[in-house]
Amino acid sequence: MFRFETAGESHGECLVATLAGLPAGVPVSVAEVNRELWRRQQGYGRGGRMKIETDTAEIVAGVRHSQTTGAPVAILIRNRDWQNWTEALPVEAAPDSAARQKPLKRPRPGHADLAGALKYNLHDARYILERASARETAARVALGALAKQYLRQFGIEVLSHVIQVGPEKLARPVEWDELVSLSQREEVLLNCADAEAEARMKAVVDEAYRTGDTVGGVFEVRAHGVPAGLGSHITWDSRLDGRLAQAILSIQAVKGVMIGEAELAAEEFGSKVQDTIHYDRQERRFRRGANQAGGLEGGITNGQDIILRGYLKPISTLRRPLESVDLDSREPALAAYERSDVCVVPAAGVIGEAMVALVLAGAMVEKFGGDSLAEVRRNFDGYIQQLREF
């Protein structure tokens, strides 16, 4: 079974990630994992935390001599900021530790602070925000990098780009080659493929900086080279579109997801939105007139690019705080301010890539099985031949 977990707090010693289910023999590059972690930290509008952390992955189990062993993979990502929190968040209580705590008593609207405090009966929201923080996604990105390296063995790639920041939108289609070029940049602004649109987006972020506000947006994740037949229509929880949607919605601050041209489909007649089917006799394969379904029909991949969009709300922590209530006095108070970002849409796209890669890797393991990469390849190649002979 393919499964993963993460652990760790925003200001704790480290983040921990485990991944079980990868077959033995998958090539692993730690440099590629660290490149993905670097990409997650980039983008115009990031806060002071990114100036402290330089995320690097320590693979401590499951990989030897640059290949998976078939055992669970374990990764550590150390928090440099921990040195500033060792007295505030110790594992064991000391006689005077209460005086050194940094409690959060004024919950932030839009964050998990109050809902979590009520759920767990904690009168200090610090314990909630430490885990609810998007810092946790660094661990997911590290695992997603491993999933990407597995998928690459079968010609599958996953990338993202930003199509909207605040009210400013990208108004033209983007080709796959542009996304590849975008992912290879050594300097990341807002990860938009169009320079003019990116300049307009930057102006929105500048305005948020000026006013002490935050701004959200929309990122698009695209999976290229995915074969037809992953996922299933048989049961509700085996539908791949549902699993991908949950993966995107699990990212902190994401409030909506769209597969393909769902918004257009809701407005138009069926004759305008279904992807027509054709057959290329020379290449002996089916093809489509468009990809408005986003590569998924009936919960099953149809051989086209998978296209998903994540709708990211503005970050909850504002330098100009909103109205809240003090948890002790129950009197009106301004929400607490934690060092935070102004815009994280590019980073959310990288996290979205990781989540899509993990879901697709899981779907590949389910369909093709195999204890070693060589065995998976035999199964995969046989299935691709079956598709050609259909």
Protein backbone atom coordinates (compact mmCIF):
# COMPACT_ATOMS: atom_id res chain seq x y z
CA MET A 1 0.00 0.00 0.00
CA PHE A 2 1.24 3.46 -0.92
CA ARG A 3 0.88 5.93 1.95
CA PHE A 4 2.66 8.86 3.51
CA GLU A 5 2.62 10.88 6.72
CA THR A 6 4.23 14.03 8.04
CA ALA A 7 4.92 15.22 11.57
CA GLY A 8 6.43 18.28 13.17
CA GLU A 9 5.56 21.81 14.21
CA SER A 10 6.31 25.17 12.64
CA HIS A 11 8.81 26.12 15.35
CA GLY A 12 9.75 22.61 16.49
CA GLU A 13 13.08 20.87 16.07
CA CYS A 14 12.33 19.45 12.63
CA LEU A 15 9.75 18.18 10.21
CA VAL A 16 9.51 14.43 9.69
CA ALA A 17 8.09 12.68 6.64
CA THR A 18 7.63 9.00 5.82
CA LEU A 19 6.63 7.33 2.57
CA ALA A 20 5.82 3.64 2.23
CA GLY A 21 5.03 1.77 -0.97
CA LEU A 22 7.74 2.82 -3.40
CA PRO A 23 9.26 -0.26 -5.06
CA ALA A 24 12.94 -1.08 -4.75
CA GLY A 25 15.32 0.33 -7.33
CA VAL A 26 13.83 3.78 -7.94
CA PRO A 27 16.69 6.25 -8.56
CA VAL A 28 16.73 9.02 -5.95
CA SER A 29 18.54 12.33 -6.24
CA VAL A 30 18.75 14.27 -2.99
CA ALA A 31 19.73 17.33 -5.04
CA GLU A 32 16.36 17.13 -6.84
CA VAL A 33 14.54 16.88 -3.52
CA ASN A 34 16.38 19.98 -2.28
CA ARG A 35 15.62 21.80 -5.54
CA GLU A 36 11.90 21.23 -4.92
CA LEU A 37 12.28 22.51 -1.36
CA TRP A 38 14.04 25.59 -2.74
CA ARG A 39 11.22 26.19 -5.23
CA ARG A 40 8.68 26.07 -2.41
CA GLN A 41 10.51 28.84 -0.57
CA GLN A 42 10.61 31.22 -3.52
CA GLY A 43 8.22 33.88 -4.76
CA TYR A 44 7.53 37.57 -4.42
CA GLY A 45 5.61 38.23 -1.22
CA ARG A 46 7.29 35.72 1.08
CA GLY A 47 7.95 36.69 4.70
CA GLY A 48 10.87 36.73 7.10
CA ARG A 49 10.78 33.00 7.84
CA MET A 50 12.16 32.29 4.37
CA LYS A 51 15.22 34.37 5.25
CA ILE A 52 15.91 32.08 8.21
CA GLU A 53 15.30 28.66 6.71
CA THR A 54 17.27 27.02 3.91
CA ASP A 55 15.41 23.75 3.67
CA THR A 56 17.42 20.63 2.96
CA ALA A 57 16.31 17.03 3.18
CA GLU A 58 18.08 14.39 5.24
CA ILE A 59 17.01 10.96 4.01
CA VAL A 60 17.62 8.67 6.98
CA ALA A 61 15.91 5.45 5.86
CA GLY A 62 14.70 3.62 2.78
CA VAL A 63 17.35 4.85 0.32
CA ARG A 64 20.83 3.39 -0.09
CA HIS A 65 23.36 4.09 -2.83
CA SER A 66 20.88 6.52 -4.46
CA GLN A 67 18.12 3.94 -4.87
CA THR A 68 15.04 3.00 -2.88
CA THR A 69 15.27 -0.31 -1.06
CA GLY A 70 11.53 -1.04 -0.96
CA ALA A 71 11.39 -0.14 2.73
CA PRO A 72 9.64 3.01 3.99
CA VAL A 73 11.56 6.20 3.23
CA ALA A 74 12.07 8.62 6.14
CA ILE A 75 13.10 12.25 5.73
CA LEU A 76 14.07 14.95 8.22
CA ILE A 77 13.97 18.68 7.50
CA ARG A 78 15.50 20.65 10.35
CA ASN A 79 14.02 23.99 11.42
CA ARG A 80 16.74 26.58 11.90
CA ASP A 81 14.23 28.78 13.71
CA TRP A 82 14.06 26.16 16.48
CA GLN A 83 16.97 27.87 18.22
CA ASN A 84 14.66 30.81 18.92
CA TRP A 85 11.96 28.57 20.40
CA THR A 86 13.80 25.98 22.48
CA GLU A 87 12.71 27.59 25.75
CA ALA A 88 9.18 28.41 24.61
CA LEU A 89 8.33 24.94 23.25
CA PRO A 90 10.34 22.35 25.22
CA VAL A 91 9.34 18.70 25.03
CA GLU A 92 9.47 18.32 28.80
CA ALA A 93 8.15 20.94 31.19
CA ALA A 94 10.65 22.60 33.52
CA PRO A 95 9.80 24.39 36.80
CA ASP A 96 10.03 27.82 35.17
CA SER A 97 8.99 26.88 31.61
CA ALA A 98 5.54 28.49 31.86
CA ALA A 99 7.11 31.94 32.15
CA ARG A 100 9.01 31.39 28.90
CA GLN A 101 6.09 30.29 26.76
CA LYS A 102 4.85 32.39 23.87
CA PRO A 103 1.10 31.78 24.12
CA LEU A 104 -1.31 32.86 21.41
CA LYS A 105 -4.45 34.16 23.10
CA ARG A 106 -5.92 36.28 20.29
CA PRO A 107 -6.97 33.87 17.51
CA ARG A 108 -6.66 34.98 13.91
CA PRO A 109 -9.81 35.03 11.74
CA GLY A 110 -9.45 32.52 8.93
CA HIS A 111 -6.83 30.42 10.72
CA ALA A 112 -7.35 27.16 12.62
CA ASP A 113 -6.54 28.95 15.91
CA LEU A 114 -9.99 29.18 17.51
CA ALA A 115 -11.60 26.13 15.88
CA GLY A 116 -8.64 24.00 16.96
CA ALA A 117 -8.54 25.43 20.47
CA LEU A 118 -12.22 24.61 20.93
CA LYS A 119 -11.81 21.12 19.49
CA TYR A 120 -8.83 20.13 21.65
CA ASN A 121 -9.85 22.13 24.75
CA LEU A 122 -6.65 24.16 24.66
CA HIS A 123 -6.68 27.70 26.01
CA ASP A 124 -3.46 28.51 24.17
CA ALA A 125 -3.84 28.48 20.38
CA ARG A 126 -0.04 28.18 20.06
CA TYR A 127 -0.36 24.40 20.00
CA ILE A 128 -2.87 24.61 17.15
CA LEU A 129 -1.03 27.05 14.93
CA GLU A 130 2.25 25.16 15.26
CA ARG A 131 0.81 22.18 13.40
CA ALA A 132 -1.78 23.99 11.28
CA SER A 133 0.96 26.21 9.83
CA ALA A 134 1.86 25.74 6.17
CA ARG A 135 5.41 25.10 7.35
CA GLU A 136 4.25 21.47 7.40
CA THR A 137 4.08 21.47 3.61
CA ALA A 138 7.88 21.44 3.32
CA ALA A 139 7.66 17.79 4.36
CA ARG A 140 5.01 17.12 1.72
CA VAL A 141 7.15 18.74 -0.97
CA ALA A 142 10.09 16.52 -0.03
CA LEU A 143 7.92 13.42 -0.37
CA GLY A 144 6.41 14.77 -3.58
CA ALA A 145 9.92 15.08 -5.01
CA LEU A 146 10.38 11.34 -4.47
CA ALA A 147 7.01 10.67 -6.12
CA LYS A 148 8.08 12.80 -9.07
CA GLN A 149 11.27 10.79 -9.47
CA TYR A 150 9.22 7.59 -9.47
CA LEU A 151 6.73 8.94 -12.04
CA ARG A 152 9.56 10.11 -14.28
CA GLN A 153 10.54 6.47 -14.82
CA PHE A 154 7.30 6.16 -16.81
CA GLY A 155 7.48 9.48 -18.67
CA ILE A 156 5.13 11.36 -16.33
CA GLU A 157 6.00 14.92 -15.24
CA VAL A 158 4.12 17.31 -12.93
CA LEU A 159 4.55 21.11 -12.98
CA SER A 160 2.63 24.25 -11.98
CA HIS A 161 2.25 27.92 -12.77
CA VAL A 162 0.35 30.90 -11.39
CA ILE A 163 -2.63 32.15 -13.38
CA GLN A 164 -4.04 34.73 -10.96
CA VAL A 165 -2.99 36.95 -8.06
CA GLY A 166 -5.80 38.98 -6.56
CA PRO A 167 -7.85 40.39 -9.47
CA GLU A 168 -5.02 40.11 -12.02
CA LYS A 169 -5.27 37.09 -14.34
CA LEU A 170 -3.24 35.38 -17.03
CA ALA A 171 -5.31 35.78 -20.18
CA ARG A 172 -3.66 33.31 -22.56
CA PRO A 173 -3.10 29.54 -22.72
CA VAL A 174 0.30 28.20 -21.65
CA GLU A 175 2.13 25.40 -23.43
CA TRP A 176 3.87 22.57 -21.62
CA ASP A 177 7.32 23.69 -22.82
CA GLU A 178 6.71 27.05 -21.13
CA LEU A 179 6.04 25.30 -17.84
CA VAL A 180 9.27 23.33 -18.18
CA SER A 181 11.19 26.55 -18.80
CA LEU A 182 9.44 28.21 -15.87
CA SER A 183 10.42 25.41 -13.49
CA GLN A 184 14.09 25.76 -14.45
CA ARG A 185 14.40 29.44 -13.54
CA GLU A 186 16.93 30.36 -10.89
CA GLU A 187 14.95 33.42 -9.85
CA VAL A 188 11.24 33.15 -9.11
CA LEU A 189 8.95 36.16 -8.98
CA LEU A 190 5.34 34.94 -9.16
CA ASN A 191 5.87 31.88 -11.39
CA CYS A 192 3.69 33.24 -14.17
CA ALA A 193 4.58 32.33 -17.75
CA ASP A 194 3.64 35.75 -19.12
CA ALA A 195 5.89 38.69 -18.16
CA GLU A 196 3.21 41.36 -18.59
CA ALA A 197 0.66 39.48 -16.49
CA GLU A 198 3.32 38.83 -13.85
CA ALA A 199 4.11 42.55 -13.64
CA ARG A 200 0.44 43.30 -12.99
CA MET A 201 0.35 40.58 -10.33
CA LYS A 202 3.43 42.05 -8.67
CA ALA A 203 1.69 45.41 -8.42
CA VAL A 204 -1.15 43.73 -6.50
CA VAL A 205 1.35 42.23 -4.04
CA ASP A 206 3.02 45.64 -3.67
CA GLU A 207 -0.35 47.15 -2.75
CA ALA A 208 -0.88 44.44 -0.13
CA TYR A 209 2.56 45.20 1.30
CA ARG A 210 1.73 48.91 1.42
CA THR A 211 -1.57 48.46 3.24
CA GLY A 212 -0.51 45.71 5.66
CA ASP A 213 -2.79 43.22 3.91
CA THR A 214 -2.42 39.83 2.19
CA VAL A 215 -3.52 38.53 -1.19
CA GLY A 216 -4.48 35.14 -2.64
CA GLY A 217 -4.84 33.80 -6.13
CA VAL A 218 -5.05 30.74 -8.36
CA PHE A 219 -2.39 28.21 -9.32
CA GLU A 220 -2.63 25.51 -11.95
CA VAL A 221 -1.02 22.07 -11.71
CA ARG A 222 -0.54 20.03 -14.86
CA ALA A 223 0.50 16.37 -15.10
CA HIS A 224 1.97 15.48 -18.52
CA GLY A 225 2.41 12.00 -20.00
CA VAL A 226 -0.18 10.27 -17.81
CA PRO A 227 -1.55 7.13 -19.49
CA ALA A 228 -5.24 6.37 -19.79
CA GLY A 229 -6.63 4.08 -17.14
CA LEU A 230 -5.46 5.31 -13.73
CA GLY A 231 -8.23 5.52 -11.15
CA SER A 232 -11.63 3.88 -11.43
CA HIS A 233 -15.36 4.51 -11.71
CA ILE A 234 -16.16 1.43 -9.58
CA THR A 235 -16.40 3.01 -6.11
CA TRP A 236 -16.69 6.61 -4.95
CA ASP A 237 -13.32 6.60 -3.19
CA SER A 238 -11.43 5.07 -6.10
CA ARG A 239 -12.33 7.94 -8.43
CA LEU A 240 -9.06 9.69 -9.17
CA ASP A 241 -10.66 13.11 -9.66
CA GLY A 242 -12.01 12.99 -6.10
CA ARG A 243 -8.65 11.96 -4.69
CA LEU A 244 -6.83 14.70 -6.58
CA ALA A 245 -9.39 17.29 -5.47
CA GLN A 246 -8.93 16.27 -1.83
CA ALA A 247 -5.15 16.46 -2.23
CA ILE A 248 -5.32 20.05 -3.49
CA LEU A 249 -7.90 21.08 -0.88
CA SER A 250 -5.70 19.67 1.89
CA ILE A 251 -3.17 22.45 1.25
CA GLN A 252 -3.41 25.22 3.83
CA ALA A 253 -5.45 28.24 2.63
CA VAL A 254 -6.82 26.45 -0.46
CA LYS A 255 -10.59 26.90 -0.46
CA GLY A 256 -11.51 25.55 -3.87
CA VAL A 257 -10.36 23.30 -6.70
CA MET A 258 -11.32 23.06 -10.36
CA ILE A 259 -10.58 20.20 -12.75
CA GLY A 260 -10.32 21.16 -16.39
CA GLU A 261 -12.80 23.83 -17.48
CA ALA A 262 -15.40 23.11 -14.80
CA GLU A 263 -16.53 26.72 -14.50
CA LEU A 264 -17.11 26.99 -18.25
CA ALA A 265 -18.87 23.62 -18.29
CA ALA A 266 -21.35 24.82 -15.68
CA GLU A 267 -22.32 27.76 -17.89
CA GLU A 268 -22.48 26.12 -21.33
CA PHE A 269 -24.52 23.49 -23.16
CA GLY A 270 -23.10 19.99 -23.34
CA SER A 271 -22.35 20.29 -27.05
CA LYS A 272 -19.83 23.02 -26.25
CA VAL A 273 -17.91 21.40 -23.40
CA GLN A 274 -17.47 17.68 -24.14
CA ASP A 275 -14.12 16.67 -25.65
CA THR A 276 -14.89 15.06 -29.00
CA ILE A 277 -13.33 11.66 -29.75
CA HIS A 278 -11.34 10.87 -32.90
CA TYR A 279 -9.07 8.06 -34.11
CA ASP A 280 -5.69 8.52 -35.75
CA ARG A 281 -5.27 5.46 -37.97
CA GLN A 282 -1.67 6.23 -38.81
CA GLU A 283 -0.61 6.43 -35.16
CA ARG A 284 -3.23 3.86 -34.12
CA ARG A 285 -4.46 5.84 -31.16
CA PHE A 286 -7.49 7.79 -30.00
CA ARG A 287 -7.24 11.55 -29.69
CA ARG A 288 -9.49 14.37 -28.48
CA GLY A 289 -10.64 17.60 -30.01
CA ALA A 290 -9.87 19.50 -26.77
CA ASN A 291 -9.10 18.90 -23.11
CA GLN A 292 -11.86 20.67 -21.26
CA ALA A 293 -12.31 17.64 -19.00
CA GLY A 294 -8.83 18.15 -17.60
CA GLY A 295 -7.65 14.64 -18.44
CA LEU A 296 -10.24 12.83 -16.30
CA GLU A 297 -13.55 11.23 -17.22
CA GLY A 298 -15.60 9.13 -14.82
CA GLY A 299 -12.80 9.25 -12.27
CA ILE A 300 -10.36 7.69 -14.77
CA THR A 301 -7.45 9.30 -16.63
CA ASN A 302 -8.14 9.48 -20.37
CA GLY A 303 -4.57 9.94 -21.63
CA GLN A 304 -4.58 13.73 -21.84
CA ASP A 305 -2.80 16.11 -19.49
CA ILE A 306 -4.37 16.30 -16.05
CA ILE A 307 -5.17 19.94 -15.31
CA LEU A 308 -6.25 21.18 -11.88
CA ARG A 309 -6.55 24.64 -10.38
CA GLY A 310 -6.29 25.52 -6.72
CA TYR A 311 -8.03 28.63 -5.37
CA LEU A 312 -5.97 30.09 -2.56
CA LYS A 313 -7.44 32.56 -0.09
CA PRO A 314 -5.22 35.33 1.34
CA ILE A 315 -3.01 34.31 4.28
CA SER A 316 -4.79 34.75 7.64
CA THR A 317 -1.98 36.62 9.43
CA LEU A 318 -2.16 40.34 8.65
CA ARG A 319 0.21 43.08 9.73
CA ARG A 320 -2.95 45.15 10.06
CA PRO A 321 -4.80 42.68 12.30
CA LEU A 322 -8.53 42.03 12.22
CA GLU A 323 -10.98 42.02 15.11
CA SER A 324 -10.82 39.05 17.47
CA VAL A 325 -11.41 38.12 21.13
CA ASP A 326 -8.91 37.43 23.92
CA LEU A 327 -9.23 33.79 25.03
CA ASP A 328 -8.68 34.67 28.71
CA SER A 329 -10.65 37.88 29.23
CA ARG A 330 -13.20 37.27 26.42
CA GLU A 331 -12.87 40.97 25.65
CA PRO A 332 -12.54 42.35 22.10
CA ALA A 333 -8.94 42.38 20.90
CA LEU A 334 -6.95 42.62 17.71
CA ALA A 335 -5.81 39.28 16.30
CA ALA A 336 -2.27 38.15 17.06
CA TYR A 337 0.46 38.73 14.50
CA GLU A 338 2.91 35.96 13.69
CA ARG A 339 5.74 36.54 11.23
CA SER A 340 4.08 35.70 7.95
CA ASP A 341 3.87 36.12 4.18
CA VAL A 342 1.93 38.52 2.00
CA CYS A 343 1.50 36.24 -1.03
CA VAL A 344 2.22 32.51 -1.29
CA VAL A 345 0.53 31.54 -4.56
CA PRO A 346 3.74 30.37 -6.31
CA ALA A 347 4.69 28.26 -3.29
CA ALA A 348 1.19 26.78 -3.16
CA GLY A 349 1.64 25.70 -6.78
CA VAL A 350 4.80 23.78 -5.89
CA ILE A 351 2.97 22.15 -2.98
CA GLY A 352 0.15 21.33 -5.39
CA GLU A 353 2.66 19.61 -7.68
CA ALA A 354 3.83 17.49 -4.76
CA MET A 355 0.31 16.46 -3.80
CA VAL A 356 -0.67 15.60 -7.38
CA ALA A 357 2.56 13.61 -7.81
CA LEU A 358 1.88 11.66 -4.61
CA VAL A 359 -1.68 10.82 -5.65
CA LEU A 360 -0.57 9.76 -9.13
CA ALA A 361 2.30 7.69 -7.73
CA GLY A 362 -0.21 5.95 -5.47
CA ALA A 363 -2.48 5.27 -8.43
CA MET A 364 0.46 3.81 -10.37
CA VAL A 365 1.39 1.53 -7.48
CA GLU A 366 -2.24 0.38 -7.22
CA LYS A 367 -2.53 -0.40 -10.92
CA PHE A 368 0.87 -1.89 -11.68
CA GLY A 369 2.05 -3.22 -8.32
CA GLY A 370 5.57 -4.63 -8.25
CA ASP A 371 8.18 -4.98 -5.53
CA SER A 372 10.99 -3.69 -7.77
CA LEU A 373 11.15 -1.01 -10.42
CA ALA A 374 12.01 -3.65 -13.03
CA GLU A 375 8.81 -5.54 -12.19
CA VAL A 376 6.71 -2.37 -12.35
CA ARG A 377 8.22 -1.51 -15.73
CA ARG A 378 7.30 -4.93 -17.14
CA ASN A 379 3.73 -4.49 -15.95
CA PHE A 380 3.56 -0.92 -17.23
CA ASP A 381 5.04 -1.77 -20.63
CA GLY A 382 2.62 -4.65 -21.03
CA TYR A 383 -0.30 -2.35 -20.29
CA ILE A 384 0.92 0.31 -22.74
CA GLN A 385 1.15 -2.42 -25.39
CA GLN A 386 -2.42 -3.41 -24.54
CA LEU A 387 -3.53 0.18 -25.13
CA ARG A 388 -1.77 0.22 -28.52
CA GLU A 389 -3.45 -3.01 -29.56
CA PHE A 390 -6.92 -1.98 -28.36
